[in-house]
Amino acid sequence: MSVSILVMLRLAQPRRSVARELGSKTMQADAFQTTACWWLSLAALAGVGLNGLIGWWWADPAAALVVAWLVIREGRQAWSGKSCC
């Protein structure tokens, strides 16, 4: 999980710039998917960590709701034709 946090963000940035240079909506979507994977890894690590260290059982579900909100927002923007990047 921690490796994913380090790798996914560094992988998403070059994908975003390539998508801009090519003007490719497919590549933009791929870059967003990589960023969403980073969000999921970060949320999972935070939720599990807070639960394990402090005993906050609700931290993992709360993190999942935040990620769901971010992904839904991006999906609505994509559906309306707005660029995700």
C-alpha atoms as a PDB file:
ATOM      1  CA  MET A   1       0.000   0.000   0.000  1.00  0.00           C
ATOM      2  CA  SER A   2       2.752   2.454   0.883  1.00  0.00           C
ATOM      3  CA  VAL A   3       4.596   1.612  -2.356  1.00  0.00           C
ATOM      4  CA  SER A   4       1.423   2.372  -4.283  1.00  0.00           C
ATOM      5  CA  ILE A   5       1.203   5.780  -2.587  1.00  0.00           C
ATOM      6  CA  LEU A   6       4.714   6.635  -3.727  1.00  0.00           C
ATOM      7  CA  VAL A   7       4.450   5.233  -7.257  1.00  0.00           C
ATOM      8  CA  MET A   8       0.945   6.230  -8.360  1.00  0.00           C
ATOM      9  CA  LEU A   9       1.320   9.964  -7.799  1.00  0.00           C
ATOM     10  CA  ARG A  10       4.637  10.039  -9.633  1.00  0.00           C
ATOM     11  CA  LEU A  11       3.109   8.025 -12.453  1.00  0.00           C
ATOM     12  CA  ALA A  12       0.018  10.229 -12.788  1.00  0.00           C
ATOM     13  CA  GLN A  13       1.913  13.490 -13.311  1.00  0.00           C
ATOM     14  CA  PRO A  14       3.708  12.476 -16.535  1.00  0.00           C
ATOM     15  CA  ARG A  15       0.517  10.865 -17.826  1.00  0.00           C
ATOM     16  CA  ARG A  16      -1.333  14.147 -17.320  1.00  0.00           C
ATOM     17  CA  SER A  17       1.286  16.125 -19.226  1.00  0.00           C
ATOM     18  CA  VAL A  18       1.316  13.595 -22.087  1.00  0.00           C
ATOM     19  CA  ALA A  19      -2.482  13.754 -22.220  1.00  0.00           C
ATOM     20  CA  ARG A  20      -2.327  17.560 -22.500  1.00  0.00           C
ATOM     21  CA  GLU A  21       0.317  17.444 -25.219  1.00  0.00           C
ATOM     22  CA  LEU A  22      -1.619  14.864 -27.241  1.00  0.00           C
ATOM     23  CA  GLY A  23      -5.035  16.316 -26.492  1.00  0.00           C
ATOM     24  CA  SER A  24      -6.174  12.780 -25.703  1.00  0.00           C
ATOM     25  CA  LYS A  25      -9.268  12.342 -23.556  1.00  0.00           C
ATOM     26  CA  THR A  26      -8.427   8.653 -23.198  1.00  0.00           C
ATOM     27  CA  MET A  27      -5.029   9.495 -21.757  1.00  0.00           C
ATOM     28  CA  GLN A  28      -6.665  12.094 -19.473  1.00  0.00           C
ATOM     29  CA  ALA A  29      -8.991   9.392 -18.167  1.00  0.00           C
ATOM     30  CA  ASP A  30      -6.048   7.071 -17.612  1.00  0.00           C
ATOM     31  CA  ALA A  31      -4.184   9.783 -15.695  1.00  0.00           C
ATOM     32  CA  PHE A  32      -7.262  10.364 -13.560  1.00  0.00           C
ATOM     33  CA  GLN A  33      -7.590   6.630 -12.893  1.00  0.00           C
ATOM     34  CA  THR A  34      -3.996   6.596 -11.666  1.00  0.00           C
ATOM     35  CA  THR A  35      -4.712   9.563  -9.384  1.00  0.00           C
ATOM     36  CA  ALA A  36      -7.853   7.839  -8.070  1.00  0.00           C
ATOM     37  CA  CYS A  37      -5.727   4.774  -7.290  1.00  0.00           C
ATOM     38  CA  TRP A  38      -3.435   7.057  -5.267  1.00  0.00           C
ATOM     39  CA  TRP A  39      -6.450   8.448  -3.388  1.00  0.00           C
ATOM     40  CA  LEU A  40      -7.663   4.919  -2.613  1.00  0.00           C
ATOM     41  CA  SER A  41      -4.243   3.830  -1.356  1.00  0.00           C
ATOM     42  CA  LEU A  42      -3.899   6.924   0.805  1.00  0.00           C
ATOM     43  CA  ALA A  43      -7.405   6.540   2.233  1.00  0.00           C
ATOM     44  CA  ALA A  44      -6.915   2.846   2.962  1.00  0.00           C
ATOM     45  CA  LEU A  45      -3.612   3.454   4.723  1.00  0.00           C
ATOM     46  CA  ALA A  46      -5.036   6.363   6.730  1.00  0.00           C
ATOM     47  CA  GLY A  47      -8.173   4.452   7.698  1.00  0.00           C
ATOM     48  CA  VAL A  48      -6.367   1.288   8.724  1.00  0.00           C
ATOM     49  CA  GLY A  49      -3.638   3.277  10.469  1.00  0.00           C
ATOM     50  CA  LEU A  50      -6.041   5.383  12.507  1.00  0.00           C
ATOM     51  CA  ASN A  51      -8.050   2.309  13.411  1.00  0.00           C
ATOM     52  CA  GLY A  52      -4.966   0.384  14.482  1.00  0.00           C
ATOM     53  CA  LEU A  53      -3.162   3.182  16.298  1.00  0.00           C
ATOM     54  CA  ILE A  54      -5.989   5.110  17.930  1.00  0.00           C
ATOM     55  CA  GLY A  55      -8.888   2.678  17.688  1.00  0.00           C
ATOM     56  CA  TRP A  56     -11.039   4.900  15.479  1.00  0.00           C
ATOM     57  CA  TRP A  57     -13.194   2.192  13.884  1.00  0.00           C
ATOM     58  CA  TRP A  58     -15.003   4.795  11.784  1.00  0.00           C
ATOM     59  CA  ALA A  59     -11.877   6.241  10.113  1.00  0.00           C
ATOM     60  CA  ASP A  60     -11.778   3.699   7.260  1.00  0.00           C
ATOM     61  CA  PRO A  61     -15.449   4.130   6.259  1.00  0.00           C
ATOM     62  CA  ALA A  62     -15.071   7.923   6.494  1.00  0.00           C
ATOM     63  CA  ALA A  63     -12.039   7.841   4.208  1.00  0.00           C
ATOM     64  CA  ALA A  64     -13.987   5.673   1.760  1.00  0.00           C
ATOM     65  CA  LEU A  65     -16.813   8.219   1.675  1.00  0.00           C
ATOM     66  CA  VAL A  66     -14.368  11.021   0.893  1.00  0.00           C
ATOM     67  CA  VAL A  67     -12.858   9.026  -1.974  1.00  0.00           C
ATOM     68  CA  ALA A  68     -16.337   8.163  -3.274  1.00  0.00           C
ATOM     69  CA  TRP A  69     -17.257  11.849  -3.275  1.00  0.00           C
ATOM     70  CA  LEU A  70     -14.098  12.763  -5.214  1.00  0.00           C
ATOM     71  CA  VAL A  71     -14.660  10.058  -7.820  1.00  0.00           C
ATOM     72  CA  ILE A  72     -18.354  10.950  -8.219  1.00  0.00           C
ATOM     73  CA  ARG A  73     -17.430  14.613  -8.701  1.00  0.00           C
ATOM     74  CA  GLU A  74     -14.913  13.721 -11.397  1.00  0.00           C
ATOM     75  CA  GLY A  75     -17.426  11.392 -13.044  1.00  0.00           C
ATOM     76  CA  ARG A  76     -20.056  14.131 -13.208  1.00  0.00           C
ATOM     77  CA  GLN A  77     -17.547  16.536 -14.746  1.00  0.00           C
ATOM     78  CA  ALA A  78     -16.564  13.934 -17.342  1.00  0.00           C
ATOM     79  CA  TRP A  79     -20.203  13.156 -18.091  1.00  0.00           C
ATOM     80  CA  SER A  80     -20.947  16.841 -18.698  1.00  0.00           C
ATOM     81  CA  GLY A  81     -17.989  17.093 -21.085  1.00  0.00           C
ATOM     82  CA  LYS A  82     -15.628  18.972 -18.804  1.00  0.00           C
ATOM     83  CA  SER A  83     -12.024  17.875 -18.782  1.00  0.00           C
ATOM     84  CA  CYS A  84     -10.897  15.901 -15.769  1.00  0.00           C
ATOM     85  CA  CYS A  85      -7.378  17.309 -15.896  1.00  0.00           C
END
